[in-house]
Amino acid sequence: MQIVETSFSEVWKFIQSIPEFHNPPTKEETEKRCSNDSCLALFAKNDESILGCKLGYQKGENVFYSWIGGV
């Protein structure tokens, strides 16, 4: 398994495919939260298969908000 950085758009697409998220964030909400350079989008992958994701962003000088993720 490896952790790789990706784009927030790719994480958003993956989150839409997780059935346990009854009200996943809209693309607009995701873009608003991740509109600056402080956004971190990660995939956990095994070969080419995506196993999970994490999306977060900086909210203040010393605060990183780990917003949404799933497997």
PDB file of N, CA and C in Angstrom:
ATOM      1  N   MET A   1       0.855  -1.179   0.000  1.00  0.00           N
ATOM      2  CA  MET A   1       0.000   0.000   0.000  1.00  0.00           C
ATOM      3  C   MET A   1       0.894   1.233   0.000  1.00  0.00           C
ATOM      4  N   GLN A   2       0.411   2.268  -0.673  1.00  0.00           N
ATOM      5  CA  GLN A   2       1.124   3.537  -0.687  1.00  0.00           C
ATOM      6  C   GLN A   2       0.146   4.702  -0.543  1.00  0.00           C
ATOM      7  N   ILE A   3       0.620   5.791   0.003  1.00  0.00           N
ATOM      8  CA  ILE A   3      -0.159   7.020   0.129  1.00  0.00           C
ATOM      9  C   ILE A   3       0.372   7.993  -0.916  1.00  0.00           C
ATOM     10  N   VAL A   4      -0.530   8.500  -1.756  1.00  0.00           N
ATOM     11  CA  VAL A   4      -0.124   9.413  -2.829  1.00  0.00           C
ATOM     12  C   VAL A   4      -0.981  10.673  -2.782  1.00  0.00           C
ATOM     13  N   GLU A   5      -0.352  11.783  -3.088  1.00  0.00           N
ATOM     14  CA  GLU A   5      -1.076  13.044  -3.166  1.00  0.00           C
ATOM     15  C   GLU A   5      -1.823  13.087  -4.494  1.00  0.00           C
ATOM     16  N   THR A   6      -3.022  13.664  -4.472  1.00  0.00           N
ATOM     17  CA  THR A   6      -3.844  13.771  -5.674  1.00  0.00           C
ATOM     18  C   THR A   6      -4.564  15.116  -5.648  1.00  0.00           C
ATOM     19  N   SER A   7      -5.524  15.309  -6.518  1.00  0.00           N
ATOM     20  CA  SER A   7      -6.276  16.567  -6.544  1.00  0.00           C
ATOM     21  C   SER A   7      -7.568  16.416  -5.739  1.00  0.00           C
ATOM     22  N   PHE A   8      -8.097  17.537  -5.277  1.00  0.00           N
ATOM     23  CA  PHE A   8      -9.355  17.473  -4.526  1.00  0.00           C
ATOM     24  C   PHE A   8     -10.481  16.984  -5.427  1.00  0.00           C
ATOM     25  N   SER A   9     -10.405  17.256  -6.724  1.00  0.00           N
ATOM     26  CA  SER A   9     -11.441  16.781  -7.650  1.00  0.00           C
ATOM     27  C   SER A   9     -11.474  15.261  -7.706  1.00  0.00           C
ATOM     28  N   GLU A  10     -10.314  14.626  -7.694  1.00  0.00           N
ATOM     29  CA  GLU A  10     -10.253  13.160  -7.716  1.00  0.00           C
ATOM     30  C   GLU A  10     -10.793  12.571  -6.414  1.00  0.00           C
ATOM     31  N   VAL A  11     -10.463  13.193  -5.286  1.00  0.00           N
ATOM     32  CA  VAL A  11     -10.999  12.722  -4.007  1.00  0.00           C
ATOM     33  C   VAL A  11     -12.508  12.913  -3.977  1.00  0.00           C
ATOM     34  N   TRP A  12     -12.991  14.044  -4.468  1.00  0.00           N
ATOM     35  CA  TRP A  12     -14.438  14.290  -4.499  1.00  0.00           C
ATOM     36  C   TRP A  12     -15.148  13.192  -5.298  1.00  0.00           C
ATOM     37  N   LYS A  13     -14.599  12.831  -6.460  1.00  0.00           N
ATOM     38  CA  LYS A  13     -15.206  11.768  -7.279  1.00  0.00           C
ATOM     39  C   LYS A  13     -15.248  10.449  -6.515  1.00  0.00           C
ATOM     40  N   PHE A  14     -14.162  10.134  -5.813  1.00  0.00           N
ATOM     41  CA  PHE A  14     -14.108   8.887  -5.054  1.00  0.00           C
ATOM     42  C   PHE A  14     -15.146   8.886  -3.926  1.00  0.00           C
ATOM     43  N   ILE A  15     -15.269   9.993  -3.223  1.00  0.00           N
ATOM     44  CA  ILE A  15     -16.224  10.094  -2.118  1.00  0.00           C
ATOM     45  C   ILE A  15     -17.655   9.887  -2.612  1.00  0.00           C
ATOM     46  N   GLN A  16     -17.959  10.359  -3.814  1.00  0.00           N
ATOM     47  CA  GLN A  16     -19.295  10.178  -4.379  1.00  0.00           C
ATOM     48  C   GLN A  16     -19.639   8.700  -4.559  1.00  0.00           C
ATOM     49  N   SER A  17     -18.624   7.853  -4.664  1.00  0.00           N
ATOM     50  CA  SER A  17     -18.849   6.420  -4.906  1.00  0.00           C
ATOM     51  C   SER A  17     -19.003   5.609  -3.623  1.00  0.00           C
ATOM     52  N   ILE A  18     -18.854   6.237  -2.458  1.00  0.00           N
ATOM     53  CA  ILE A  18     -18.955   5.523  -1.178  1.00  0.00           C
ATOM     54  C   ILE A  18     -20.408   5.587  -0.706  1.00  0.00           C
ATOM     55  N   PRO A  19     -21.121   4.458  -0.689  1.00  0.00           N
ATOM     56  CA  PRO A  19     -22.557   4.483  -0.376  1.00  0.00           C
ATOM     57  C   PRO A  19     -22.881   4.924   1.050  1.00  0.00           C
ATOM     58  N   GLU A  20     -21.947   4.809   1.970  1.00  0.00           N
ATOM     59  CA  GLU A  20     -22.218   5.206   3.362  1.00  0.00           C
ATOM     60  C   GLU A  20     -22.331   6.712   3.541  1.00  0.00           C
ATOM     61  N   PHE A  21     -21.842   7.486   2.582  1.00  0.00           N
ATOM     62  CA  PHE A  21     -22.022   8.940   2.631  1.00  0.00           C
ATOM     63  C   PHE A  21     -23.396   9.259   2.063  1.00  0.00           C
ATOM     64  N   HIS A  22     -24.357   9.465   2.945  1.00  0.00           N
ATOM     65  CA  HIS A  22     -25.735   9.712   2.506  1.00  0.00           C
ATOM     66  C   HIS A  22     -25.897  11.092   1.879  1.00  0.00           C
ATOM     67  N   ASN A  23     -25.142  12.050   2.371  1.00  0.00           N
ATOM     68  CA  ASN A  23     -25.164  13.413   1.826  1.00  0.00           C
ATOM     69  C   ASN A  23     -23.730  13.860   1.575  1.00  0.00           C
ATOM     70  N   PRO A  24     -23.081  13.310   0.543  1.00  0.00           N
ATOM     71  CA  PRO A  24     -21.697  13.708   0.297  1.00  0.00           C
ATOM     72  C   PRO A  24     -21.622  15.180  -0.077  1.00  0.00           C
ATOM     73  N   PRO A  25     -20.474  15.793   0.150  1.00  0.00           N
ATOM     74  CA  PRO A  25     -20.354  17.214  -0.184  1.00  0.00           C
ATOM     75  C   PRO A  25     -20.509  17.430  -1.685  1.00  0.00           C
ATOM     76  N   THR A  26     -21.068  18.571  -2.033  1.00  0.00           N
ATOM     77  CA  THR A  26     -21.191  18.913  -3.452  1.00  0.00           C
ATOM     78  C   THR A  26     -19.815  19.314  -3.985  1.00  0.00           C
ATOM     79  N   LYS A  27     -19.698  19.303  -5.280  1.00  0.00           N
ATOM     80  CA  LYS A  27     -18.428  19.731  -5.881  1.00  0.00           C
ATOM     81  C   LYS A  27     -18.162  21.196  -5.538  1.00  0.00           C
ATOM     82  N   GLU A  28     -19.201  22.011  -5.499  1.00  0.00           N
ATOM     83  CA  GLU A  28     -19.048  23.434  -5.173  1.00  0.00           C
ATOM     84  C   GLU A  28     -18.536  23.608  -3.744  1.00  0.00           C
ATOM     85  N   GLU A  29     -19.099  22.841  -2.792  1.00  0.00           N
ATOM     86  CA  GLU A  29     -18.635  22.931  -1.406  1.00  0.00           C
ATOM     87  C   GLU A  29     -17.178  22.493  -1.300  1.00  0.00           C
ATOM     88  N   THR A  30     -16.835  21.430  -2.004  1.00  0.00           N
ATOM     89  CA  THR A  30     -15.462  20.947  -1.979  1.00  0.00           C
ATOM     90  C   THR A  30     -14.514  21.981  -2.573  1.00  0.00           C
ATOM     91  N   GLU A  31     -14.888  22.575  -3.687  1.00  0.00           N
ATOM     92  CA  GLU A  31     -14.055  23.613  -4.303  1.00  0.00           C
ATOM     93  C   GLU A  31     -13.892  24.813  -3.376  1.00  0.00           C
ATOM     94  N   LYS A  32     -14.967  25.196  -2.684  1.00  0.00           N
ATOM     95  CA  LYS A  32     -14.899  26.340  -1.771  1.00  0.00           C
ATOM     96  C   LYS A  32     -13.929  26.060  -0.623  1.00  0.00           C
ATOM     97  N   ARG A  33     -14.024  24.869  -0.036  1.00  0.00           N
ATOM     98  CA  ARG A  33     -13.148  24.538   1.085  1.00  0.00           C
ATOM     99  C   ARG A  33     -11.703  24.355   0.650  1.00  0.00           C
ATOM    100  N   CYS A  34     -11.503  23.935  -0.576  1.00  0.00           N
ATOM    101  CA  CYS A  34     -10.156  23.609  -1.057  1.00  0.00           C
ATOM    102  C   CYS A  34      -9.698  24.576  -2.140  1.00  0.00           C
ATOM    103  N   SER A  35     -10.076  25.823  -2.026  1.00  0.00           N
ATOM    104  CA  SER A  35      -9.776  26.788  -3.076  1.00  0.00           C
ATOM    105  C   SER A  35      -8.378  27.391  -2.977  1.00  0.00           C
ATOM    106  N   ASN A  36      -7.672  27.124  -1.897  1.00  0.00           N
ATOM    107  CA  ASN A  36      -6.332  27.703  -1.777  1.00  0.00           C
ATOM    108  C   ASN A  36      -5.274  26.601  -1.761  1.00  0.00           C
ATOM    109  N   ASP A  37      -4.041  27.002  -1.624  1.00  0.00           N
ATOM    110  CA  ASP A  37      -2.925  26.063  -1.679  1.00  0.00           C
ATOM    111  C   ASP A  37      -2.789  25.200  -0.433  1.00  0.00           C
ATOM    112  N   SER A  38      -3.611  25.429   0.576  1.00  0.00           N
ATOM    113  CA  SER A  38      -3.455  24.678   1.820  1.00  0.00           C
ATOM    114  C   SER A  38      -4.231  23.359   1.817  1.00  0.00           C
ATOM    115  N   CYS A  39      -4.866  23.005   0.719  1.00  0.00           N
ATOM    116  CA  CYS A  39      -5.641  21.774   0.620  1.00  0.00           C
ATOM    117  C   CYS A  39      -4.696  20.584   0.442  1.00  0.00           C
ATOM    118  N   LEU A  40      -4.991  19.501   1.157  1.00  0.00           N
ATOM    119  CA  LEU A  40      -4.233  18.270   1.021  1.00  0.00           C
ATOM    120  C   LEU A  40      -5.200  17.151   0.663  1.00  0.00           C
ATOM    121  N   ALA A  41      -4.979  16.526  -0.477  1.00  0.00           N
ATOM    122  CA  ALA A  41      -5.828  15.437  -0.961  1.00  0.00           C
ATOM    123  C   ALA A  41      -4.954  14.199  -1.129  1.00  0.00           C
ATOM    124  N   LEU A  42      -5.352  13.111  -0.452  1.00  0.00           N
ATOM    125  CA  LEU A  42      -4.550  11.895  -0.465  1.00  0.00           C
ATOM    126  C   LEU A  42      -5.380  10.685  -0.864  1.00  0.00           C
ATOM    127  N   PHE A  43      -4.737   9.758  -1.554  1.00  0.00           N
ATOM    128  CA  PHE A  43      -5.300   8.441  -1.826  1.00  0.00           C
ATOM    129  C   PHE A  43      -4.411   7.394  -1.166  1.00  0.00           C
ATOM    130  N   ALA A  44      -5.033   6.370  -0.616  1.00  0.00           N
ATOM    131  CA  ALA A  44      -4.330   5.157  -0.231  1.00  0.00           C
ATOM    132  C   ALA A  44      -4.556   4.189  -1.386  1.00  0.00           C
ATOM    133  N   LYS A  45      -3.467   3.681  -1.970  1.00  0.00           N
ATOM    134  CA  LYS A  45      -3.588   2.832  -3.156  1.00  0.00           C
ATOM    135  C   LYS A  45      -2.830   1.529  -2.971  1.00  0.00           C
ATOM    136  N   ASN A  46      -3.327   0.510  -3.619  1.00  0.00           N
ATOM    137  CA  ASN A  46      -2.641  -0.766  -3.737  1.00  0.00           C
ATOM    138  C   ASN A  46      -2.519  -1.027  -5.230  1.00  0.00           C
ATOM    139  N   ASP A  47      -1.316  -0.937  -5.755  1.00  0.00           N
ATOM    140  CA  ASP A  47      -1.092  -0.953  -7.200  1.00  0.00           C
ATOM    141  C   ASP A  47      -1.905   0.202  -7.786  1.00  0.00           C
ATOM    142  N   GLU A  48      -2.856  -0.065  -8.631  1.00  0.00           N
ATOM    143  CA  GLU A  48      -3.675   1.005  -9.219  1.00  0.00           C
ATOM    144  C   GLU A  48      -5.045   1.122  -8.561  1.00  0.00           C
ATOM    145  N   SER A  49      -5.340   0.260  -7.603  1.00  0.00           N
ATOM    146  CA  SER A  49      -6.645   0.294  -6.932  1.00  0.00           C
ATOM    147  C   SER A  49      -6.637   1.322  -5.807  1.00  0.00           C
ATOM    148  N   ILE A  50      -7.669   2.160  -5.773  1.00  0.00           N
ATOM    149  CA  ILE A  50      -7.814   3.138  -4.694  1.00  0.00           C
ATOM    150  C   ILE A  50      -8.504   2.444  -3.526  1.00  0.00           C
ATOM    151  N   LEU A  51      -7.861   2.483  -2.366  1.00  0.00           N
ATOM    152  CA  LEU A  51      -8.402   1.847  -1.164  1.00  0.00           C
ATOM    153  C   LEU A  51      -9.132   2.837  -0.265  1.00  0.00           C
ATOM    154  N   GLY A  52      -8.705   4.087  -0.289  1.00  0.00           N
ATOM    155  CA  GLY A  52      -9.302   5.096   0.575  1.00  0.00           C
ATOM    156  C   GLY A  52      -8.791   6.476   0.218  1.00  0.00           C
ATOM    157  N   CYS A  53      -9.339   7.484   0.894  1.00  0.00           N
ATOM    158  CA  CYS A  53      -8.942   8.867   0.615  1.00  0.00           C
ATOM    159  C   CYS A  53      -9.029   9.706   1.881  1.00  0.00           C
ATOM    160  N   LYS A  54      -8.396  10.863   1.823  1.00  0.00           N
ATOM    161  CA  LYS A  54      -8.471  11.846   2.900  1.00  0.00           C
ATOM    162  C   LYS A  54      -8.362  13.216   2.276  1.00  0.00           C
ATOM    163  N   LEU A  55      -9.178  14.141   2.755  1.00  0.00           N
ATOM    164  CA  LEU A  55      -9.174  15.510   2.249  1.00  0.00           C
ATOM    165  C   LEU A  55      -9.185  16.449   3.452  1.00  0.00           C
ATOM    166  N   GLY A  56      -8.268  17.395   3.461  1.00  0.00           N
ATOM    167  CA  GLY A  56      -8.202  18.364   4.551  1.00  0.00           C
ATOM    168  C   GLY A  56      -7.599  19.664   4.059  1.00  0.00           C
ATOM    169  N   TYR A  57      -7.615  20.653   4.929  1.00  0.00           N
ATOM    170  CA  TYR A  57      -7.087  21.958   4.540  1.00  0.00           C
ATOM    171  C   TYR A  57      -6.721  22.766   5.783  1.00  0.00           C
ATOM    172  N   GLN A  58      -5.881  23.764   5.588  1.00  0.00           N
ATOM    173  CA  GLN A  58      -5.468  24.634   6.677  1.00  0.00           C
ATOM    174  C   GLN A  58      -6.575  25.641   6.961  1.00  0.00           C
ATOM    175  N   LYS A  59      -6.949  25.750   8.257  1.00  0.00           N
ATOM    176  CA  LYS A  59      -8.014  26.679   8.657  1.00  0.00           C
ATOM    177  C   LYS A  59      -7.461  27.916   9.342  1.00  0.00           C
ATOM    178  N   GLY A  60      -6.293  27.827   9.839  1.00  0.00           N
ATOM    179  CA  GLY A  60      -5.683  28.952  10.528  1.00  0.00           C
ATOM    180  C   GLY A  60      -4.181  28.753  10.515  1.00  0.00           C
ATOM    181  N   GLU A  61      -3.493  29.672  11.135  1.00  0.00           N
ATOM    182  CA  GLU A  61      -2.033  29.608  11.111  1.00  0.00           C
ATOM    183  C   GLU A  61      -1.505  28.281  11.665  1.00  0.00           C
ATOM    184  N   ASN A  62      -2.134  27.784  12.727  1.00  0.00           N
ATOM    185  CA  ASN A  62      -1.657  26.555  13.370  1.00  0.00           C
ATOM    186  C   ASN A  62      -2.699  25.443  13.396  1.00  0.00           C
ATOM    187  N   VAL A  63      -3.689  25.519  12.484  1.00  0.00           N
ATOM    188  CA  VAL A  63      -4.767  24.533  12.496  1.00  0.00           C
ATOM    189  C   VAL A  63      -4.912  23.892  11.125  1.00  0.00           C
ATOM    190  N   PHE A  64      -4.813  22.557  11.089  1.00  0.00           N
ATOM    191  CA  PHE A  64      -5.118  21.806   9.874  1.00  0.00           C
ATOM    192  C   PHE A  64      -6.399  21.042  10.141  1.00  0.00           C
ATOM    193  N   TYR A  65      -7.409  21.249   9.306  1.00  0.00           N
ATOM    194  CA  TYR A  65      -8.705  20.606   9.475  1.00  0.00           C
ATOM    195  C   TYR A  65      -8.761  19.358   8.600  1.00  0.00           C
ATOM    196  N   SER A  66      -8.822  18.207   9.237  1.00  0.00           N
ATOM    197  CA  SER A  66      -8.962  16.941   8.534  1.00  0.00           C
ATOM    198  C   SER A  66     -10.455  16.747   8.272  1.00  0.00           C
ATOM    199  N   TRP A  67     -10.893  17.103   7.067  1.00  0.00           N
ATOM    200  CA  TRP A  67     -12.317  17.265   6.785  1.00  0.00           C
ATOM    201  C   TRP A  67     -13.046  15.969   6.514  1.00  0.00           C
ATOM    202  N   ILE A  68     -12.679  15.230   5.492  1.00  0.00           N
ATOM    203  CA  ILE A  68     -13.476  14.083   5.083  1.00  0.00           C
ATOM    204  C   ILE A  68     -12.561  12.997   4.522  1.00  0.00           C
ATOM    205  N   GLY A  69     -12.982  11.775   4.731  1.00  0.00           N
ATOM    206  CA  GLY A  69     -12.216  10.648   4.197  1.00  0.00           C
ATOM    207  C   GLY A  69     -13.062   9.410   4.206  1.00  0.00           C
ATOM    208  N   GLY A  70     -12.587   8.394   3.565  1.00  0.00           N
ATOM    209  CA  GLY A  70     -13.327   7.151   3.543  1.00  0.00           C
ATOM    210  C   GLY A  70     -12.537   6.044   2.890  1.00  0.00           C
ATOM    211  N   VAL A  71     -13.001   4.831   3.105  1.00  0.00           N
ATOM    212  CA  VAL A  71     -12.376   3.650   2.494  1.00  0.00           C
ATOM    213  C   VAL A  71     -13.435   2.821   1.792  1.00  0.00           C
TER     214      VAL A  71
END
